[in-house]
Amino acid sequence: MAITSELNLQKAYLLHSRPYRDNRLLVNLLTEENGHVSAVVYVGKGGSKGKSANKKGLLQPFAKLDVELKGNGALKNLSKVENAEKSLPLESDYLFSGFYLNELMVRLLPENIELESLFEFYQTSINQLANKEQIEPILRQFELTLLTELGLSLDFSILDLQQNQNPNTYDIREPHFDCHYYLPEQGFVLANFAGKTPAYNTEHLRMIGDGNFYQADVLLTFKRLMRQVLQGYLGNKPLNSRKLFSNKFKNN
């Protein structure tokens, strides 16, 4: 059976766009059926009117779109764009936080893999930002959910297992008493030696694993942990969206 060259009309959000050759834009979309998609869209010459120019006007961040994508290759053609809902009114740190979520997905998500649950969670997250809910829990939960979608979920259940198997491991006189390290490829390990790797309060980690992370000190642990974990996948190239934050949320 021949593979169709046309995908169904589906919901999508614009994650990023940049100029491309011949009066086009290269866009990154989060779509309901195809996950992260790169596509080219013709937007006409400067000052032009009509359908092509209208596409450019519709391609705004945080607006739910109906899109039609064509092509069998990795780079699709965005042939149709319609507004499904108006762009959410994000402001200040809430806007910068939305850009942060978008950039994380562009940097980390593979393309053309269905991610329906992540699409729904992204909708929830940007609506929470639009409603001006507390920023840091939204970002931390999204980071954790994104890792899970990538097959890189953190195993918090190992914390109790390790402590039960090693009840006499800790020396209460040591500053790293009742802490864990996070090591790439290994996950959480008991902090029974003094090293340069960041140590995380074990009870805080348990609370994060249980979804109970709204206390200020637990949120700080969560932030430090996510920063370390994500750095391993992002590499040395900094996230541009972090530069936008005010001092309070500068390094989220």
Protein backbone atom coordinates (compact mmCIF):
# COMPACT_ATOMS: atom_id res chain seq x y z
CA MET A 1 0.00 0.00 0.00
CA ALA A 2 1.38 3.41 -0.95
CA ILE A 3 2.09 5.82 1.89
CA THR A 4 -0.11 8.87 1.68
CA SER A 5 1.70 12.17 1.25
CA GLU A 6 -0.92 14.11 3.18
CA LEU A 7 -1.52 14.09 6.89
CA ASN A 8 -4.89 14.81 8.46
CA LEU A 9 -5.85 18.24 9.72
CA GLN A 10 -4.74 18.27 13.33
CA LYS A 11 -4.19 20.48 16.36
CA ALA A 12 -0.78 22.07 16.82
CA TYR A 13 1.19 24.75 18.65
CA LEU A 14 4.04 26.80 17.23
CA LEU A 15 7.25 26.25 19.19
CA HIS A 16 9.69 28.27 17.08
CA SER A 17 9.99 29.92 13.68
CA ARG A 18 12.80 31.49 11.69
CA PRO A 19 13.24 32.89 8.18
CA TYR A 20 13.98 30.38 5.45
CA ARG A 21 14.88 30.80 1.80
CA ASP A 22 12.50 32.20 -0.86
CA ASN A 23 10.01 34.00 1.39
CA ARG A 24 9.42 31.07 3.65
CA LEU A 25 9.54 30.26 7.32
CA LEU A 26 11.00 27.15 8.90
CA VAL A 27 8.78 26.27 11.85
CA ASN A 28 8.87 23.79 14.71
CA LEU A 29 5.44 22.57 15.75
CA LEU A 30 4.12 20.42 18.57
CA THR A 31 1.28 18.50 16.93
CA GLU A 32 -1.34 16.28 18.47
CA GLU A 33 -0.79 13.32 16.13
CA ASN A 34 2.82 13.61 14.98
CA GLY A 35 4.60 15.14 17.96
CA HIS A 36 7.47 17.47 17.18
CA VAL A 37 7.44 18.38 13.48
CA SER A 38 9.65 20.65 11.35
CA ALA A 39 7.87 22.24 8.43
CA VAL A 40 8.31 24.90 5.76
CA VAL A 41 5.58 27.49 5.12
CA TYR A 42 5.43 30.04 2.32
CA VAL A 43 4.54 33.48 3.66
CA GLY A 44 4.94 35.63 0.54
CA LYS A 45 7.02 38.71 -0.06
CA GLY A 46 7.15 41.63 2.34
CA GLY A 47 3.92 43.59 2.34
CA SER A 48 2.04 40.92 0.40
CA LYS A 49 -1.56 40.09 1.21
CA GLY A 50 -3.68 37.00 0.87
CA LYS A 51 -3.49 33.44 2.21
CA SER A 52 0.31 33.27 2.41
CA ALA A 53 0.61 36.47 4.44
CA ASN A 54 -2.30 35.34 6.62
CA LYS A 55 -0.42 32.15 7.53
CA LYS A 56 2.39 34.24 8.98
CA GLY A 57 -0.07 36.23 11.05
CA LEU A 58 -1.65 33.07 12.44
CA LEU A 59 1.66 31.46 13.40
CA GLN A 60 1.90 32.85 16.92
CA PRO A 61 3.23 31.10 20.06
CA PHE A 62 0.71 29.75 22.59
CA ALA A 63 -2.20 29.77 20.10
CA LYS A 64 -3.84 26.44 19.34
CA LEU A 65 -3.88 25.91 15.58
CA ASP A 66 -5.46 23.58 13.07
CA VAL A 67 -2.78 22.61 10.56
CA GLU A 68 -2.42 20.47 7.47
CA LEU A 69 0.99 18.96 6.77
CA LYS A 70 2.11 17.40 3.52
CA GLY A 71 5.15 15.35 2.57
CA ASN A 72 6.75 12.01 3.40
CA GLY A 73 10.17 13.30 4.44
CA ALA A 74 11.36 14.62 7.79
CA LEU A 75 10.73 18.21 6.67
CA LYS A 76 7.02 18.74 5.99
CA ASN A 77 5.17 21.40 4.04
CA LEU A 78 2.71 23.38 6.14
CA SER A 79 -0.04 23.76 3.58
CA LYS A 80 -2.88 25.02 5.77
CA VAL A 81 -3.11 26.98 9.02
CA GLU A 82 -6.25 28.03 10.88
CA ASN A 83 -6.85 29.41 14.35
CA ALA A 84 -8.45 26.88 16.69
CA GLU A 85 -8.19 29.21 19.69
CA LYS A 86 -6.73 32.65 20.33
CA SER A 87 -3.18 33.01 21.61
CA LEU A 88 -2.98 32.86 25.40
CA PRO A 89 -2.11 36.22 27.01
CA LEU A 90 1.18 35.35 28.70
CA GLU A 91 3.10 38.23 30.25
CA SER A 92 6.49 38.93 31.83
CA ASP A 93 7.97 35.86 33.60
CA TYR A 94 4.95 33.79 32.51
CA LEU A 95 5.76 34.58 28.88
CA PHE A 96 9.45 33.79 29.38
CA SER A 97 8.45 30.52 31.05
CA GLY A 98 6.36 29.58 28.03
CA PHE A 99 9.33 30.28 25.76
CA TYR A 100 11.43 28.07 28.05
CA LEU A 101 9.02 25.13 27.65
CA ASN A 102 9.02 25.63 23.87
CA GLU A 103 12.80 25.73 23.63
CA LEU A 104 13.19 22.62 25.77
CA MET A 105 10.97 20.67 23.38
CA VAL A 106 12.72 21.96 20.26
CA ARG A 107 16.10 21.00 21.72
CA LEU A 108 15.18 17.61 23.19
CA LEU A 109 12.25 16.07 21.33
CA PRO A 110 12.89 13.74 18.39
CA GLU A 111 10.70 14.47 15.38
CA ASN A 112 7.64 12.71 13.97
CA ILE A 113 6.87 10.58 17.02
CA GLU A 114 3.34 10.72 18.45
CA LEU A 115 3.27 12.43 21.85
CA GLU A 116 -0.42 12.91 22.58
CA SER A 117 -0.04 12.93 26.37
CA LEU A 118 2.75 15.53 26.18
CA PHE A 119 0.61 17.66 23.85
CA GLU A 120 -2.19 17.63 26.44
CA PHE A 121 0.20 18.36 29.30
CA TYR A 122 1.70 21.28 27.37
CA GLN A 123 -1.80 22.73 26.94
CA THR A 124 -2.37 22.40 30.68
CA SER A 125 0.97 24.03 31.48
CA ILE A 126 0.55 27.10 29.28
CA ASN A 127 -3.01 27.57 30.54
CA GLN A 128 -1.65 27.53 34.09
CA LEU A 129 0.89 30.16 33.08
CA ALA A 130 -1.87 32.26 31.47
CA ASN A 131 -3.80 31.99 34.76
CA LYS A 132 -0.68 33.26 36.59
CA GLU A 133 -0.30 30.21 38.79
CA GLN A 134 2.98 29.64 40.64
CA ILE A 135 5.66 29.35 37.96
CA GLU A 136 8.27 27.02 39.41
CA PRO A 137 5.99 24.00 40.07
CA ILE A 138 4.68 24.31 36.50
CA LEU A 139 8.19 24.28 35.03
CA ARG A 140 9.47 21.48 37.23
CA GLN A 141 6.48 19.23 36.54
CA PHE A 142 6.77 19.84 32.81
CA GLU A 143 10.49 19.03 32.85
CA LEU A 144 9.78 15.76 34.66
CA THR A 145 6.96 14.89 32.26
CA LEU A 146 9.15 15.68 29.25
CA LEU A 147 11.85 13.33 30.53
CA THR A 148 9.26 10.59 30.98
CA GLU A 149 8.04 11.06 27.38
CA LEU A 150 11.65 10.72 26.23
CA GLY A 151 11.97 7.42 28.08
CA LEU A 152 14.29 9.04 30.63
CA SER A 153 12.06 8.99 33.70
CA LEU A 154 13.65 9.20 37.14
CA ASP A 155 13.16 6.18 39.40
CA PHE A 156 12.30 7.64 42.80
CA SER A 157 11.21 4.23 44.13
CA ILE A 158 14.87 3.21 44.41
CA LEU A 159 15.32 5.64 47.33
CA ASP A 160 13.46 3.50 49.87
CA LEU A 161 14.87 0.28 48.43
CA GLN A 162 18.45 1.47 48.83
CA GLN A 163 17.90 2.75 52.36
CA ASN A 164 16.22 -0.49 53.43
CA GLN A 165 19.10 -2.51 52.01
CA ASN A 166 21.72 -0.26 53.62
CA PRO A 167 20.30 0.82 57.00
CA ASN A 168 23.75 1.47 58.52
CA THR A 169 25.30 3.23 55.55
CA TYR A 170 25.09 6.76 56.86
CA ASP A 171 27.21 8.41 59.50
CA ILE A 172 25.02 11.08 61.07
CA ARG A 173 28.13 13.14 61.81
CA GLU A 174 28.73 13.66 58.08
CA PRO A 175 27.10 16.66 56.29
CA HIS A 176 25.81 14.40 53.53
CA PHE A 177 23.81 12.27 55.98
CA ASP A 178 20.53 11.05 54.46
CA CYS A 179 21.25 12.37 50.98
CA HIS A 180 21.46 10.95 47.49
CA TYR A 181 23.45 11.77 44.39
CA TYR A 182 22.07 11.60 40.89
CA LEU A 183 24.51 9.94 38.51
CA PRO A 184 23.87 9.70 34.74
CA GLU A 185 23.20 6.13 33.57
CA GLN A 186 22.78 5.04 37.22
CA GLY A 187 20.12 7.27 38.70
CA PHE A 188 19.97 7.91 42.44
CA VAL A 189 22.75 6.48 44.61
CA LEU A 190 23.40 6.85 48.32
CA ALA A 191 25.63 9.79 49.19
CA ASN A 192 27.94 7.76 51.41
CA PHE A 193 31.08 9.56 50.29
CA ALA A 194 32.04 13.21 50.06
CA GLY A 195 32.30 14.18 46.40
CA LYS A 196 31.84 17.06 43.99
CA THR A 197 28.50 15.73 42.67
CA PRO A 198 25.50 17.67 44.09
CA ALA A 199 23.83 15.89 47.00
CA TYR A 200 20.05 16.02 47.37
CA ASN A 201 18.05 15.64 50.56
CA THR A 202 16.51 12.17 50.40
CA GLU A 203 13.21 13.20 51.98
CA HIS A 204 12.89 16.02 49.45
CA LEU A 205 13.43 13.52 46.65
CA ARG A 206 10.72 11.27 48.09
CA MET A 207 8.33 14.21 48.19
CA ILE A 208 9.13 15.08 44.57
CA GLY A 209 8.50 11.48 43.57
CA ASP A 210 5.12 11.63 45.33
CA GLY A 211 4.20 14.89 43.57
CA ASN A 212 4.39 16.83 46.85
CA PHE A 213 6.93 19.51 45.92
CA TYR A 214 5.29 22.87 46.67
CA GLN A 215 7.35 23.70 49.77
CA ALA A 216 10.05 26.28 49.04
CA ASP A 217 12.97 24.07 50.14
CA VAL A 218 11.65 21.07 48.18
CA LEU A 219 11.16 23.24 45.09
CA LEU A 220 14.77 24.36 45.40
CA THR A 221 15.93 20.73 45.51
CA PHE A 222 13.69 19.95 42.54
CA LYS A 223 15.15 22.87 40.58
CA ARG A 224 18.75 21.84 41.29
CA LEU A 225 18.00 18.25 40.33
CA MET A 226 16.30 19.13 37.05
CA ARG A 227 19.11 21.51 36.16
CA GLN A 228 21.66 18.72 36.60
CA VAL A 229 19.63 16.07 34.76
CA LEU A 230 18.71 18.29 31.80
CA GLN A 231 22.26 19.59 31.43
CA GLY A 232 23.34 16.06 30.57
CA TYR A 233 20.99 16.06 27.57
CA LEU A 234 21.25 19.72 26.53
CA GLY A 235 25.04 19.78 26.47
CA ASN A 236 27.06 22.98 26.70
CA LYS A 237 24.88 25.11 24.42
CA PRO A 238 22.88 27.46 26.71
CA LEU A 239 19.14 27.92 26.44
CA ASN A 240 18.32 31.33 24.96
CA SER A 241 15.05 31.53 26.90
CA ARG A 242 16.90 31.57 30.24
CA LYS A 243 18.40 34.93 29.32
CA LEU A 244 14.91 36.45 29.28
CA PHE A 245 14.06 35.76 32.89
CA SER A 246 14.07 38.38 35.58
CA ASN A 247 16.58 37.85 38.40
CA LYS A 248 14.04 35.89 40.43
CA PHE A 249 13.60 33.18 37.80
CA LYS A 250 16.77 33.79 35.79
CA ASN A 251 18.12 30.24 36.03
CA ASN A 252 14.89 28.20 35.96
